[in-house]
Amino acid sequence: MARMIEELEDETGAVIKYRRHANGRGLVAPTARVAESAYIEPTAYVEAEARVGLDAYVGAGSWVDRGATVGDRTFVGANVHIGAGSVVGSNAKIGSNAKIGANAMIGNGARIERDAQLEPGTVLAGREGVHARDALRAVPRQARRAA
């Protein structure tokens, strides 16, 4: 049986603990929130305070940095870095080897080409015309039905 907790040492010598996500076996920091239905490849990392939404896919070798958010049904290709504090909206697609700078905002339905590099603080409207921050403020469907 594989270990559920992994301990890794960072460049400063500090030991960081990760747990293996049940769906895909990717490494998830204890303070990160990852939906059970999300698929995290075994060599992908989700750092502390990060969030990954429902049915999202995080590819091999990808890194969701500290405090970043990946929306529902978003596809993150292989070897992608989503910078600290960035927000990627729902139904977005990020191609392999893309680098998203810190505090970037990527809207719902946006498409990022493979090998793309977005500067820190970039704001990119999605195909649905709604920025990611606005999407996060929206009332979830379940809450709308209950009202």
Protein backbone atom coordinates (compact mmCIF):
# COMPACT_ATOMS: atom_id res chain seq x y z
CA MET A 1 0.00 0.00 0.00
CA ALA A 2 1.33 3.46 -0.93
CA ARG A 3 2.00 6.11 1.67
CA MET A 4 -0.75 8.69 2.11
CA ILE A 5 1.57 11.37 3.55
CA GLU A 6 4.74 12.45 1.76
CA GLU A 7 7.44 14.62 3.28
CA LEU A 8 9.62 16.71 0.96
CA GLU A 9 12.39 19.17 1.68
CA ASP A 10 12.30 22.58 -0.02
CA GLU A 11 15.31 24.64 -1.14
CA THR A 12 15.65 26.22 2.34
CA GLY A 13 15.79 22.85 4.06
CA ALA A 14 12.28 23.06 5.55
CA VAL A 15 10.29 19.84 5.50
CA ILE A 16 6.88 20.18 3.87
CA LYS A 17 4.20 17.52 4.26
CA TYR A 18 1.76 16.63 1.51
CA ARG A 19 -1.07 14.13 1.38
CA ARG A 20 -1.95 12.09 -1.68
CA HIS A 21 -5.26 13.03 -3.29
CA ALA A 22 -7.62 10.07 -3.56
CA ASN A 23 -8.39 10.80 -7.23
CA GLY A 24 -5.11 10.64 -9.14
CA ARG A 25 -2.68 10.45 -6.19
CA GLY A 26 -1.27 13.98 -6.69
CA LEU A 27 0.42 15.80 -3.82
CA VAL A 28 -1.80 18.22 -1.87
CA ALA A 29 -0.72 20.43 1.02
CA PRO A 30 -2.77 19.95 4.21
CA THR A 31 -4.27 23.47 4.06
CA ALA A 32 -5.24 23.25 0.38
CA ARG A 33 -8.84 22.48 -0.58
CA VAL A 34 -9.27 20.10 -3.50
CA ALA A 35 -12.65 18.75 -4.57
CA GLU A 36 -13.02 14.98 -4.36
CA SER A 37 -14.03 14.88 -8.03
CA ALA A 38 -10.91 16.75 -9.16
CA TYR A 39 -8.18 14.63 -10.75
CA ILE A 40 -4.62 15.46 -9.66
CA GLU A 41 -1.89 13.56 -11.52
CA PRO A 42 0.63 11.75 -9.27
CA THR A 43 3.46 14.18 -10.07
CA ALA A 44 1.37 17.35 -9.67
CA TYR A 45 1.50 19.61 -6.60
CA VAL A 46 -1.19 21.73 -4.97
CA GLU A 47 0.38 24.09 -2.44
CA ALA A 48 -0.93 25.52 0.85
CA GLU A 49 -4.08 27.66 0.79
CA ALA A 50 -4.76 26.73 -2.86
CA ARG A 51 -8.18 25.59 -4.11
CA VAL A 52 -9.08 23.23 -6.94
CA GLY A 53 -12.73 23.00 -7.98
CA LEU A 54 -15.13 20.23 -8.98
CA ASP A 55 -14.16 17.98 -11.89
CA ALA A 56 -10.95 19.95 -12.51
CA TYR A 57 -7.93 18.20 -14.00
CA VAL A 58 -4.32 19.05 -13.04
CA GLY A 59 -1.79 17.41 -15.35
CA ALA A 60 1.51 15.67 -14.69
CA GLY A 61 4.28 17.86 -13.32
CA SER A 62 1.98 20.84 -12.84
CA TRP A 63 2.19 23.13 -9.84
CA VAL A 64 -0.72 25.08 -8.34
CA ASP A 65 1.15 27.59 -6.20
CA ARG A 66 0.27 28.94 -2.76
CA GLY A 67 -3.16 30.59 -2.54
CA ALA A 68 -4.06 30.01 -6.21
CA THR A 69 -7.56 28.98 -7.29
CA VAL A 70 -8.47 26.64 -10.14
CA GLY A 71 -12.18 26.72 -11.02
CA ASP A 72 -14.66 23.93 -11.64
CA ARG A 73 -14.19 21.80 -14.78
CA THR A 74 -10.90 23.52 -15.62
CA PHE A 75 -8.20 21.64 -17.50
CA VAL A 76 -4.58 22.31 -16.56
CA GLY A 77 -2.14 20.58 -18.91
CA ALA A 78 1.24 19.02 -18.08
CA ASN A 79 4.11 21.03 -16.58
CA VAL A 80 2.01 24.14 -15.95
CA HIS A 81 2.82 26.61 -13.18
CA ILE A 82 -0.11 28.62 -11.81
CA GLY A 83 1.47 31.43 -9.81
CA ALA A 84 0.77 32.30 -6.19
CA GLY A 85 -2.55 34.04 -5.63
CA SER A 86 -3.74 33.55 -9.22
CA VAL A 87 -7.38 32.82 -10.02
CA VAL A 88 -8.37 30.63 -12.95
CA GLY A 89 -12.12 30.62 -13.63
CA SER A 90 -14.36 27.68 -14.42
CA ASN A 91 -14.26 25.79 -17.72
CA ALA A 92 -10.86 27.26 -18.61
CA LYS A 93 -8.18 25.34 -20.49
CA ILE A 94 -4.48 25.90 -19.90
CA GLY A 95 -2.14 24.23 -22.37
CA SER A 96 0.94 22.27 -21.38
CA ASN A 97 4.11 24.10 -20.31
CA ALA A 98 2.24 27.39 -19.73
CA LYS A 99 3.48 29.67 -16.96
CA ILE A 100 0.90 31.87 -15.24
CA GLY A 101 2.43 34.71 -13.18
CA ALA A 102 1.48 35.49 -9.60
CA ASN A 103 -1.88 37.19 -8.95
CA ALA A 104 -3.10 36.69 -12.53
CA MET A 105 -6.85 36.61 -13.21
CA ILE A 106 -8.09 34.27 -15.93
CA GLY A 107 -11.80 34.38 -16.70
CA ASN A 108 -14.33 31.61 -17.13
CA GLY A 109 -13.93 29.64 -20.34
CA ALA A 110 -10.56 31.21 -21.21
CA ARG A 111 -8.07 29.31 -23.35
CA ILE A 112 -4.34 29.64 -22.74
CA GLU A 113 -2.15 28.21 -25.49
CA ARG A 114 0.60 25.73 -24.70
CA ASP A 115 3.99 27.28 -23.83
CA ALA A 116 2.32 30.64 -23.08
CA GLN A 117 3.80 32.90 -20.42
CA LEU A 118 1.54 35.38 -18.63
CA GLU A 119 3.13 38.19 -16.63
CA PRO A 120 2.27 38.60 -12.93
CA GLY A 121 -0.99 40.49 -12.44
CA THR A 122 -2.32 39.76 -15.94
CA VAL A 123 -6.11 39.98 -16.29
CA LEU A 124 -7.55 37.91 -19.11
CA ALA A 125 -11.29 37.88 -19.86
CA GLY A 126 -12.75 34.49 -20.61
CA ARG A 127 -14.99 33.38 -23.42
CA GLU A 128 -18.00 33.92 -21.21
CA GLY A 129 -17.07 37.59 -20.75
CA VAL A 130 -16.82 37.32 -16.97
CA HIS A 131 -13.58 37.81 -15.09
CA ALA A 132 -12.61 35.09 -12.64
CA ARG A 133 -13.03 37.34 -9.59
CA ASP A 134 -16.65 38.08 -10.59
CA ALA A 135 -17.29 34.36 -11.09
CA LEU A 136 -16.11 33.62 -7.57
CA ARG A 137 -18.53 36.21 -6.18
CA ALA A 138 -21.50 34.73 -8.06
CA VAL A 139 -24.13 32.80 -6.11
CA PRO A 140 -23.67 29.03 -6.60
CA ARG A 141 -26.42 27.18 -8.49
CA GLN A 142 -27.48 25.20 -5.43
CA ALA A 143 -28.01 28.40 -3.42
CA ARG A 144 -30.07 29.94 -6.26
CA ARG A 145 -32.38 26.93 -6.38
CA ALA A 146 -32.92 27.04 -2.60
CA ALA A 147 -33.86 30.72 -2.67
